[in-house]
Amino acid sequence: MKLVEVIKVPVRYEGVTYPQGVQFNMQSGHVNDSLVKIIGDVATDPFEGMSIDELKAYADERNIDIGKATTEEGIIKKIEEAQKVE
Protein backbone atom coordinates (compact mmCIF):
# COMPACT_ATOMS: atom_id res chain seq x y z
CA MET A 1 0.00 0.00 0.00
CA LYS A 2 1.31 3.44 -0.91
CA LEU A 3 0.45 6.96 0.17
CA VAL A 4 0.11 8.95 -3.05
CA GLU A 5 -0.64 12.53 -4.06
CA VAL A 6 -2.63 13.49 -7.16
CA ILE A 7 -0.41 15.44 -9.57
CA LYS A 8 -2.75 15.80 -12.55
CA VAL A 9 -6.47 16.00 -13.21
CA PRO A 10 -8.75 14.52 -10.59
CA VAL A 11 -8.16 10.81 -10.06
CA ARG A 12 -11.03 8.41 -9.43
CA TYR A 13 -10.02 5.45 -7.28
CA GLU A 14 -12.26 2.88 -5.64
CA GLY A 15 -15.36 5.00 -6.20
CA VAL A 16 -13.90 8.25 -4.84
CA THR A 17 -12.66 11.22 -6.87
CA TYR A 18 -9.53 12.90 -5.53
CA PRO A 19 -8.64 16.41 -6.79
CA GLN A 20 -5.12 17.56 -7.60
CA GLY A 21 -2.91 17.90 -4.50
CA VAL A 22 -4.91 15.48 -2.34
CA GLN A 23 -3.20 12.50 -0.70
CA PHE A 24 -4.74 9.06 -0.27
CA ASN A 25 -3.81 5.37 0.06
CA MET A 26 -3.52 3.25 -3.09
CA GLN A 27 -2.61 -0.38 -3.67
CA SER A 28 0.99 -0.56 -4.91
CA GLY A 29 0.03 -2.31 -8.16
CA HIS A 30 -2.47 0.43 -9.05
CA VAL A 31 -0.03 3.37 -8.99
CA ASN A 32 0.12 5.30 -12.27
CA ASP A 33 3.15 7.60 -12.15
CA SER A 34 1.64 9.97 -14.70
CA LEU A 35 -1.32 10.74 -12.40
CA VAL A 36 0.02 10.39 -8.85
CA LYS A 37 3.34 10.61 -7.07
CA ILE A 38 4.28 8.24 -4.28
CA ILE A 39 4.70 10.01 -0.95
CA GLY A 40 5.57 6.89 1.05
CA ASP A 41 4.65 3.41 2.14
CA VAL A 42 1.64 2.67 4.29
CA ALA A 43 2.21 0.00 6.91
CA THR A 44 -0.51 -2.62 6.73
CA ASP A 45 0.72 -4.37 9.85
CA PRO A 46 0.52 -2.15 12.95
CA PHE A 47 3.44 -4.04 14.54
CA GLU A 48 5.70 -3.92 11.48
CA GLY A 49 9.16 -2.68 12.37
CA MET A 50 8.63 -2.89 16.14
CA SER A 51 11.39 -4.54 18.17
CA ILE A 52 10.69 -7.19 20.79
CA ASP A 53 11.23 -4.58 23.52
CA GLU A 54 8.77 -2.21 21.84
CA LEU A 55 6.21 -5.02 21.50
CA LYS A 56 6.61 -5.87 25.19
CA ALA A 57 6.16 -2.19 26.12
CA TYR A 58 3.07 -1.98 23.88
CA ALA A 59 1.57 -5.02 25.63
CA ASP A 60 2.52 -3.71 29.07
CA GLU A 61 0.94 -0.29 28.43
CA ARG A 62 -2.32 -2.06 27.53
CA ASN A 63 -2.17 -4.59 30.39
CA ILE A 64 -1.85 -7.49 27.96
CA ASP A 65 -0.34 -10.63 29.46
CA ILE A 66 2.09 -12.09 26.92
CA GLY A 67 2.78 -15.10 29.12
CA LYS A 68 6.02 -16.84 28.23
CA ALA A 69 6.17 -15.45 24.68
CA THR A 70 9.68 -14.30 23.83
CA THR A 71 9.70 -14.11 20.03
CA GLU A 72 8.30 -11.31 17.90
CA GLU A 73 5.73 -13.69 16.39
CA GLY A 74 4.70 -15.05 19.79
CA ILE A 75 4.27 -11.63 21.37
CA ILE A 76 2.27 -10.34 18.39
CA LYS A 77 0.03 -13.42 18.58
CA LYS A 78 -0.66 -12.77 22.28
CA ILE A 79 -1.42 -9.09 21.62
CA GLU A 80 -3.77 -9.91 18.72
CA GLU A 81 -5.57 -12.57 20.78
CA ALA A 82 -6.07 -10.10 23.63
CA GLN A 83 -7.37 -7.41 21.27
CA LYS A 84 -9.94 -9.80 19.75
CA VAL A 85 -11.43 -10.29 23.21
CA GLU A 86 -11.76 -6.53 23.88
PDB file of N, CA and C in Angstrom:
ATOM      1  N   MET A   1       0.855  -1.163   0.000  1.00  0.00           N
ATOM      2  CA  MET A   1       0.000   0.000   0.000  1.00  0.00           C
ATOM      3  C   MET A   1       0.905   1.231   0.000  1.00  0.00           C
ATOM      4  N   LYS A   2       0.530   2.213  -0.794  1.00  0.00           N
ATOM      5  CA  LYS A   2       1.312   3.444  -0.909  1.00  0.00           C
ATOM      6  C   LYS A   2       0.450   4.654  -0.584  1.00  0.00           C
ATOM      7  N   LEU A   3       1.075   5.665   0.003  1.00  0.00           N
ATOM      8  CA  LEU A   3       0.448   6.963   0.167  1.00  0.00           C
ATOM      9  C   LEU A   3       0.839   7.752  -1.076  1.00  0.00           C
ATOM     10  N   VAL A   4      -0.164   8.229  -1.808  1.00  0.00           N
ATOM     11  CA  VAL A   4       0.106   8.946  -3.051  1.00  0.00           C
ATOM     12  C   VAL A   4      -0.537  10.322  -3.019  1.00  0.00           C
ATOM     13  N   GLU A   5      -0.061  11.196  -3.908  1.00  0.00           N
ATOM     14  CA  GLU A   5      -0.640  12.528  -4.061  1.00  0.00           C
ATOM     15  C   GLU A   5      -0.985  12.731  -5.524  1.00  0.00           C
ATOM     16  N   VAL A   6      -2.177  13.245  -5.797  1.00  0.00           N
ATOM     17  CA  VAL A   6      -2.632  13.490  -7.157  1.00  0.00           C
ATOM     18  C   VAL A   6      -1.827  14.637  -7.754  1.00  0.00           C
ATOM     19  N   ILE A   7      -1.220  14.390  -8.935  1.00  0.00           N
ATOM     20  CA  ILE A   7      -0.408  15.438  -9.574  1.00  0.00           C
ATOM     21  C   ILE A   7      -1.075  16.017 -10.822  1.00  0.00           C
ATOM     22  N   LYS A   8      -2.029  15.308 -11.371  1.00  0.00           N
ATOM     23  CA  LYS A   8      -2.754  15.799 -12.549  1.00  0.00           C
ATOM     24  C   LYS A   8      -4.239  15.673 -12.298  1.00  0.00           C
ATOM     25  N   VAL A   9      -5.004  16.036 -13.264  1.00  0.00           N
ATOM     26  CA  VAL A   9      -6.468  16.001 -13.210  1.00  0.00           C
ATOM     27  C   VAL A   9      -7.012  15.115 -12.100  1.00  0.00           C
ATOM     28  N   PRO A  10      -8.197  15.366 -11.648  1.00  0.00           N
ATOM     29  CA  PRO A  10      -8.752  14.522 -10.589  1.00  0.00           C
ATOM     30  C   PRO A  10      -8.642  13.033 -10.922  1.00  0.00           C
ATOM     31  N   VAL A  11      -8.326  12.252  -9.904  1.00  0.00           N
ATOM     32  CA  VAL A  11      -8.157  10.805 -10.056  1.00  0.00           C
ATOM     33  C   VAL A  11      -9.306  10.109  -9.338  1.00  0.00           C
ATOM     34  N   ARG A  12      -9.960   9.197 -10.044  1.00  0.00           N
ATOM     35  CA  ARG A  12     -11.032   8.412  -9.431  1.00  0.00           C
ATOM     36  C   ARG A  12     -10.444   7.059  -9.056  1.00  0.00           C
ATOM     37  N   TYR A  13     -10.585   6.710  -7.770  1.00  0.00           N
ATOM     38  CA  TYR A  13     -10.020   5.448  -7.278  1.00  0.00           C
ATOM     39  C   TYR A  13     -10.972   4.841  -6.262  1.00  0.00           C
ATOM     40  N   GLU A  14     -11.345   3.615  -6.503  1.00  0.00           N
ATOM     41  CA  GLU A  14     -12.260   2.879  -5.638  1.00  0.00           C
ATOM     42  C   GLU A  14     -13.521   3.682  -5.313  1.00  0.00           C
ATOM     43  N   GLY A  15     -14.086   4.301  -6.354  1.00  0.00           N
ATOM     44  CA  GLY A  15     -15.361   5.002  -6.204  1.00  0.00           C
ATOM     45  C   GLY A  15     -15.285   6.407  -5.647  1.00  0.00           C
ATOM     46  N   VAL A  16     -14.070   6.903  -5.404  1.00  0.00           N
ATOM     47  CA  VAL A  16     -13.903   8.251  -4.843  1.00  0.00           C
ATOM     48  C   VAL A  16     -13.051   9.070  -5.803  1.00  0.00           C
ATOM     49  N   THR A  17     -13.444  10.320  -6.016  1.00  0.00           N
ATOM     50  CA  THR A  17     -12.662  11.222  -6.871  1.00  0.00           C
ATOM     51  C   THR A  17     -11.792  12.110  -6.000  1.00  0.00           C
ATOM     52  N   TYR A  18     -10.499  12.114  -6.294  1.00  0.00           N
ATOM     53  CA  TYR A  18      -9.526  12.898  -5.528  1.00  0.00           C
ATOM     54  C   TYR A  18      -8.990  14.026  -6.412  1.00  0.00           C
ATOM     55  N   PRO A  19      -9.149  15.299  -5.996  1.00  0.00           N
ATOM     56  CA  PRO A  19      -8.636  16.414  -6.794  1.00  0.00           C
ATOM     57  C   PRO A  19      -7.109  16.539  -6.692  1.00  0.00           C
ATOM     58  N   GLN A  20      -6.553  17.315  -7.584  1.00  0.00           N
ATOM     59  CA  GLN A  20      -5.115  17.559  -7.599  1.00  0.00           C
ATOM     60  C   GLN A  20      -4.642  18.048  -6.238  1.00  0.00           C
ATOM     61  N   GLY A  21      -3.506  17.492  -5.766  1.00  0.00           N
ATOM     62  CA  GLY A  21      -2.907  17.896  -4.501  1.00  0.00           C
ATOM     63  C   GLY A  21      -3.359  17.093  -3.300  1.00  0.00           C
ATOM     64  N   VAL A  22      -4.389  16.275  -3.450  1.00  0.00           N
ATOM     65  CA  VAL A  22      -4.912  15.483  -2.338  1.00  0.00           C
ATOM     66  C   VAL A  22      -4.124  14.179  -2.208  1.00  0.00           C
ATOM     67  N   GLN A  23      -3.906  13.756  -0.977  1.00  0.00           N
ATOM     68  CA  GLN A  23      -3.196  12.503  -0.704  1.00  0.00           C
ATOM     69  C   GLN A  23      -4.181  11.435  -0.262  1.00  0.00           C
ATOM     70  N   PHE A  24      -3.910  10.185  -0.678  1.00  0.00           N
ATOM     71  CA  PHE A  24      -4.740   9.056  -0.266  1.00  0.00           C
ATOM     72  C   PHE A  24      -3.935   7.768  -0.423  1.00  0.00           C
ATOM     73  N   ASN A  25      -4.467   6.674   0.132  1.00  0.00           N
ATOM     74  CA  ASN A  25      -3.805   5.372   0.064  1.00  0.00           C
ATOM     75  C   ASN A  25      -4.245   4.628  -1.189  1.00  0.00           C
ATOM     76  N   MET A  26      -3.268   3.988  -1.858  1.00  0.00           N
ATOM     77  CA  MET A  26      -3.525   3.253  -3.093  1.00  0.00           C
ATOM     78  C   MET A  26      -2.728   1.956  -3.074  1.00  0.00           C
ATOM     79  N   GLN A  27      -3.331   0.886  -3.548  1.00  0.00           N
ATOM     80  CA  GLN A  27      -2.611  -0.384  -3.673  1.00  0.00           C
ATOM     81  C   GLN A  27      -1.389  -0.172  -4.564  1.00  0.00           C
ATOM     82  N   SER A  28      -0.270  -0.752  -4.189  1.00  0.00           N
ATOM     83  CA  SER A  28       0.994  -0.561  -4.912  1.00  0.00           C
ATOM     84  C   SER A  28       0.867  -0.857  -6.399  1.00  0.00           C
ATOM     85  N   GLY A  29       0.163  -1.920  -6.755  1.00  0.00           N
ATOM     86  CA  GLY A  29       0.030  -2.315  -8.159  1.00  0.00           C
ATOM     87  C   GLY A  29      -0.856  -1.402  -8.981  1.00  0.00           C
ATOM     88  N   HIS A  30      -1.561  -0.466  -8.338  1.00  0.00           N
ATOM     89  CA  HIS A  30      -2.469   0.430  -9.045  1.00  0.00           C
ATOM     90  C   HIS A  30      -1.853   1.792  -9.348  1.00  0.00           C
ATOM     91  N   VAL A  31      -0.664   2.047  -8.846  1.00  0.00           N
ATOM     92  CA  VAL A  31      -0.034   3.367  -8.991  1.00  0.00           C
ATOM     93  C   VAL A  31       0.282   3.656 -10.452  1.00  0.00           C
ATOM     94  N   ASN A  32      -0.181   4.809 -10.925  1.00  0.00           N
ATOM     95  CA  ASN A  32       0.115   5.295 -12.270  1.00  0.00           C
ATOM     96  C   ASN A  32       0.935   6.568 -12.093  1.00  0.00           C
ATOM     97  N   ASP A  33       2.231   6.483 -12.400  1.00  0.00           N
ATOM     98  CA  ASP A  33       3.152   7.604 -12.155  1.00  0.00           C
ATOM     99  C   ASP A  33       2.810   8.872 -12.931  1.00  0.00           C
ATOM    100  N   SER A  34       1.989   8.771 -13.961  1.00  0.00           N
ATOM    101  CA  SER A  34       1.636   9.972 -14.705  1.00  0.00           C
ATOM    102  C   SER A  34       0.489  10.737 -14.045  1.00  0.00           C
ATOM    103  N   LEU A  35      -0.196  10.095 -13.081  1.00  0.00           N
ATOM    104  CA  LEU A  35      -1.318  10.744 -12.403  1.00  0.00           C
ATOM    105  C   LEU A  35      -1.066  11.053 -10.933  1.00  0.00           C
ATOM    106  N   VAL A  36      -0.262  10.214 -10.282  1.00  0.00           N
ATOM    107  CA  VAL A  36       0.016  10.394  -8.854  1.00  0.00           C
ATOM    108  C   VAL A  36       1.496  10.207  -8.577  1.00  0.00           C
ATOM    109  N   LYS A  37       1.961  10.848  -7.506  1.00  0.00           N
ATOM    110  CA  LYS A  37       3.343  10.607  -7.074  1.00  0.00           C
ATOM    111  C   LYS A  37       3.297   9.901  -5.731  1.00  0.00           C
ATOM    112  N   ILE A  38       4.223   8.996  -5.523  1.00  0.00           N
ATOM    113  CA  ILE A  38       4.282   8.239  -4.282  1.00  0.00           C
ATOM    114  C   ILE A  38       4.913   9.111  -3.200  1.00  0.00           C
ATOM    115  N   ILE A  39       4.201   9.242  -2.086  1.00  0.00           N
ATOM    116  CA  ILE A  39       4.695  10.012  -0.946  1.00  0.00           C
ATOM    117  C   ILE A  39       5.431   9.080   0.018  1.00  0.00           C
ATOM    118  N   GLY A  40       4.932   7.853   0.149  1.00  0.00           N
ATOM    119  CA  GLY A  40       5.575   6.895   1.048  1.00  0.00           C
ATOM    120  C   GLY A  40       4.795   5.600   1.121  1.00  0.00           C
ATOM    121  N   ASP A  41       5.300   4.692   1.923  1.00  0.00           N
ATOM    122  CA  ASP A  41       4.647   3.406   2.137  1.00  0.00           C
ATOM    123  C   ASP A  41       3.668   3.524   3.293  1.00  0.00           C
ATOM    124  N   VAL A  42       2.618   2.738   3.217  1.00  0.00           N
ATOM    125  CA  VAL A  42       1.639   2.669   4.291  1.00  0.00           C
ATOM    126  C   VAL A  42       1.784   1.303   4.931  1.00  0.00           C
ATOM    127  N   ALA A  43       2.067   1.278   6.209  1.00  0.00           N
ATOM    128  CA  ALA A  43       2.207   0.001   6.911  1.00  0.00           C
ATOM    129  C   ALA A  43       0.841  -0.651   7.044  1.00  0.00           C
ATOM    130  N   THR A  44       0.754  -1.903   6.611  1.00  0.00           N
ATOM    131  CA  THR A  44      -0.508  -2.625   6.734  1.00  0.00           C
ATOM    132  C   THR A  44      -0.530  -3.442   8.018  1.00  0.00           C
ATOM    133  N   ASP A  45       0.625  -3.639   8.596  1.00  0.00           N
ATOM    134  CA  ASP A  45       0.725  -4.371   9.855  1.00  0.00           C
ATOM    135  C   ASP A  45       1.096  -3.364  10.935  1.00  0.00           C
ATOM    136  N   PRO A  46       0.229  -3.167  11.938  1.00  0.00           N
ATOM    137  CA  PRO A  46       0.524  -2.147  12.945  1.00  0.00           C
ATOM    138  C   PRO A  46       1.782  -2.438  13.766  1.00  0.00           C
ATOM    139  N   PHE A  47       2.256  -3.683  13.755  1.00  0.00           N
ATOM    140  CA  PHE A  47       3.437  -4.037  14.539  1.00  0.00           C
ATOM    141  C   PHE A  47       4.703  -4.121  13.680  1.00  0.00           C
ATOM    142  N   GLU A  48       4.563  -3.848  12.392  1.00  0.00           N
ATOM    143  CA  GLU A  48       5.703  -3.919  11.480  1.00  0.00           C
ATOM    144  C   GLU A  48       6.805  -2.965  11.920  1.00  0.00           C
ATOM    145  N   GLY A  49       8.003  -3.489  12.012  1.00  0.00           N
ATOM    146  CA  GLY A  49       9.156  -2.676  12.370  1.00  0.00           C
ATOM    147  C   GLY A  49       9.372  -2.486  13.863  1.00  0.00           C
ATOM    148  N   MET A  50       8.475  -3.025  14.693  1.00  0.00           N
ATOM    149  CA  MET A  50       8.634  -2.891  16.141  1.00  0.00           C
ATOM    150  C   MET A  50       9.584  -3.967  16.658  1.00  0.00           C
ATOM    151  N   SER A  51      10.467  -3.580  17.558  1.00  0.00           N
ATOM    152  CA  SER A  51      11.386  -4.536  18.169  1.00  0.00           C
ATOM    153  C   SER A  51      10.649  -5.332  19.246  1.00  0.00           C
ATOM    154  N   ILE A  52      11.285  -6.383  19.723  1.00  0.00           N
ATOM    155  CA  ILE A  52      10.687  -7.190  20.794  1.00  0.00           C
ATOM    156  C   ILE A  52      10.453  -6.327  22.030  1.00  0.00           C
ATOM    157  N   ASP A  53      11.401  -5.469  22.364  1.00  0.00           N
ATOM    158  CA  ASP A  53      11.227  -4.584  23.525  1.00  0.00           C
ATOM    159  C   ASP A  53      10.043  -3.627  23.325  1.00  0.00           C
ATOM    160  N   GLU A  54       9.882  -3.113  22.120  1.00  0.00           N
ATOM    161  CA  GLU A  54       8.766  -2.215  21.836  1.00  0.00           C
ATOM    162  C   GLU A  54       7.431  -2.966  21.914  1.00  0.00           C
ATOM    163  N   LEU A  55       7.420  -4.206  21.418  1.00  0.00           N
ATOM    164  CA  LEU A  55       6.210  -5.022  21.499  1.00  0.00           C
ATOM    165  C   LEU A  55       5.843  -5.305  22.952  1.00  0.00           C
ATOM    166  N   LYS A  56       6.855  -5.620  23.767  1.00  0.00           N
ATOM    167  CA  LYS A  56       6.614  -5.869  25.192  1.00  0.00           C
ATOM    168  C   LYS A  56       6.067  -4.615  25.866  1.00  0.00           C
ATOM    169  N   ALA A  57       6.622  -3.454  25.535  1.00  0.00           N
ATOM    170  CA  ALA A  57       6.158  -2.189  26.117  1.00  0.00           C
ATOM    171  C   ALA A  57       4.725  -1.905  25.673  1.00  0.00           C
ATOM    172  N   TYR A  58       4.428  -2.170  24.411  1.00  0.00           N
ATOM    173  CA  TYR A  58       3.074  -1.984  23.877  1.00  0.00           C
ATOM    174  C   TYR A  58       2.087  -2.830  24.676  1.00  0.00           C
ATOM    175  N   ALA A  59       2.428  -4.102  24.874  1.00  0.00           N
ATOM    176  CA  ALA A  59       1.568  -5.022  25.631  1.00  0.00           C
ATOM    177  C   ALA A  59       1.430  -4.553  27.076  1.00  0.00           C
ATOM    178  N   ASP A  60       2.530  -4.151  27.675  1.00  0.00           N
ATOM    179  CA  ASP A  60       2.522  -3.713  29.073  1.00  0.00           C
ATOM    180  C   ASP A  60       1.633  -2.478  29.265  1.00  0.00           C
ATOM    181  N   GLU A  61       1.734  -1.515  28.345  1.00  0.00           N
ATOM    182  CA  GLU A  61       0.937  -0.288  28.426  1.00  0.00           C
ATOM    183  C   GLU A  61      -0.558  -0.586  28.361  1.00  0.00           C
ATOM    184  N   ARG A  62      -0.912  -1.702  27.706  1.00  0.00           N
ATOM    185  CA  ARG A  62      -2.320  -2.061  27.527  1.00  0.00           C
ATOM    186  C   ARG A  62      -2.758  -3.203  28.439  1.00  0.00           C
ATOM    187  N   ASN A  63      -1.886  -3.504  29.423  1.00  0.00           N
ATOM    188  CA  ASN A  63      -2.165  -4.586  30.389  1.00  0.00           C
ATOM    189  C   ASN A  63      -2.471  -5.914  29.709  1.00  0.00           C
ATOM    190  N   ILE A  64      -1.689  -6.225  28.672  1.00  0.00           N
ATOM    191  CA  ILE A  64      -1.848  -7.487  27.955  1.00  0.00           C
ATOM    192  C   ILE A  64      -0.792  -8.455  28.463  1.00  0.00           C
ATOM    193  N   ASP A  65      -1.241  -9.602  28.953  1.00  0.00           N
ATOM    194  CA  ASP A  65      -0.337 -10.627  29.461  1.00  0.00           C
ATOM    195  C   ASP A  65       0.202 -11.422  28.269  1.00  0.00           C
ATOM    196  N   ILE A  66       1.504 -11.346  28.037  1.00  0.00           N
ATOM    197  CA  ILE A  66       2.095 -12.092  26.921  1.00  0.00           C
ATOM    198  C   ILE A  66       2.607 -13.458  27.361  1.00  0.00           C
ATOM    199  N   GLY A  67       2.376 -13.793  28.615  1.00  0.00           N
ATOM    200  CA  GLY A  67       2.778 -15.105  29.118  1.00  0.00           C
ATOM    201  C   GLY A  67       4.265 -15.337  28.965  1.00  0.00           C
ATOM    202  N   LYS A  68       4.615 -16.480  28.405  1.00  0.00           N
ATOM    203  CA  LYS A  68       6.021 -16.839  28.228  1.00  0.00           C
ATOM    204  C   LYS A  68       6.535 -16.527  26.823  1.00  0.00           C
ATOM    205  N   ALA A  69       5.760 -15.782  26.044  1.00  0.00           N
ATOM    206  CA  ALA A  69       6.166 -15.447  24.677  1.00  0.00           C
ATOM    207  C   ALA A  69       7.448 -14.616  24.707  1.00  0.00           C
ATOM    208  N   THR A  70       8.408 -15.019  23.883  1.00  0.00           N
ATOM    209  CA  THR A  70       9.683 -14.299  23.826  1.00  0.00           C
ATOM    210  C   THR A  70      10.056 -13.893  22.411  1.00  0.00           C
ATOM    211  N   THR A  71       9.383 -14.459  21.414  1.00  0.00           N
ATOM    212  CA  THR A  71       9.698 -14.109  20.027  1.00  0.00           C
ATOM    213  C   THR A  71       8.741 -13.034  19.540  1.00  0.00           C
ATOM    214  N   GLU A  72       9.142 -12.342  18.499  1.00  0.00           N
ATOM    215  CA  GLU A  72       8.296 -11.310  17.898  1.00  0.00           C
ATOM    216  C   GLU A  72       6.934 -11.903  17.509  1.00  0.00           C
ATOM    217  N   GLU A  73       6.965 -13.052  16.848  1.00  0.00           N
ATOM    218  CA  GLU A  73       5.729 -13.692  16.394  1.00  0.00           C
ATOM    219  C   GLU A  73       4.841 -14.077  17.581  1.00  0.00           C
ATOM    220  N   GLY A  74       5.457 -14.629  18.618  1.00  0.00           N
ATOM    221  CA  GLY A  74       4.704 -15.048  19.795  1.00  0.00           C
ATOM    222  C   GLY A  74       4.061 -13.893  20.524  1.00  0.00           C
ATOM    223  N   ILE A  75       4.793 -12.803  20.669  1.00  0.00           N
ATOM    224  CA  ILE A  75       4.265 -11.628  21.366  1.00  0.00           C
ATOM    225  C   ILE A  75       3.127 -11.007  20.558  1.00  0.00           C
ATOM    226  N   ILE A  76       3.316 -10.899  19.248  1.00  0.00           N
ATOM    227  CA  ILE A  76       2.266 -10.339  18.390  1.00  0.00           C
ATOM    228  C   ILE A  76       1.004 -11.194  18.474  1.00  0.00           C
ATOM    229  N   LYS A  77       1.177 -12.514  18.480  1.00  0.00           N
ATOM    230  CA  LYS A  77       0.028 -13.423  18.576  1.00  0.00           C
ATOM    231  C   LYS A  77      -0.738 -13.171  19.878  1.00  0.00           C
ATOM    232  N   LYS A  78      -0.023 -13.034  20.985  1.00  0.00           N
ATOM    233  CA  LYS A  78      -0.664 -12.775  22.276  1.00  0.00           C
ATOM    234  C   LYS A  78      -1.405 -11.428  22.270  1.00  0.00           C
ATOM    235  N   ILE A  79      -0.788 -10.413  21.692  1.00  0.00           N
ATOM    236  CA  ILE A  79      -1.421  -9.095  21.618  1.00  0.00           C
ATOM    237  C   ILE A  79      -2.695  -9.175  20.782  1.00  0.00           C
ATOM    238  N   GLU A  80      -2.601  -9.814  19.616  1.00  0.00           N
ATOM    239  CA  GLU A  80      -3.767  -9.915  18.720  1.00  0.00           C
ATOM    240  C   GLU A  80      -4.891 -10.713  19.378  1.00  0.00           C
ATOM    241  N   GLU A  81      -4.546 -11.781  20.091  1.00  0.00           N
ATOM    242  CA  GLU A  81      -5.570 -12.575  20.785  1.00  0.00           C
ATOM    243  C   GLU A  81      -6.277 -11.726  21.842  1.00  0.00           C
ATOM    244  N   ALA A  82      -5.499 -10.941  22.582  1.00  0.00           N
ATOM    245  CA  ALA A  82      -6.073 -10.098  23.633  1.00  0.00           C
ATOM    246  C   ALA A  82      -6.976  -9.021  23.034  1.00  0.00           C
ATOM    247  N   GLN A  83      -6.592  -8.476  21.890  1.00  0.00           N
ATOM    248  CA  GLN A  83      -7.370  -7.410  21.271  1.00  0.00           C
ATOM    249  C   GLN A  83      -8.674  -7.939  20.668  1.00  0.00           C
ATOM    250  N   LYS A  84      -8.701  -9.211  20.273  1.00  0.00           N
ATOM    251  CA  LYS A  84      -9.937  -9.801  19.753  1.00  0.00           C
ATOM    252  C   LYS A  84     -10.984  -9.905  20.840  1.00  0.00           C
ATOM    253  N   VAL A  85     -10.531 -10.134  22.069  1.00  0.00           N
ATOM    254  CA  VAL A  85     -11.429 -10.294  23.212  1.00  0.00           C
ATOM    255  C   VAL A  85     -12.049  -8.962  23.607  1.00  0.00           C
ATOM    256  N   GLU A  86     -11.309  -7.872  23.443  1.00  0.00           N
ATOM    257  CA  GLU A  86     -11.760  -6.526  23.876  1.00  0.00           C
ATOM    258  C   GLU A  86     -12.922  -6.040  23.110  1.00  0.00           C
TER     259      GLU A  86
END
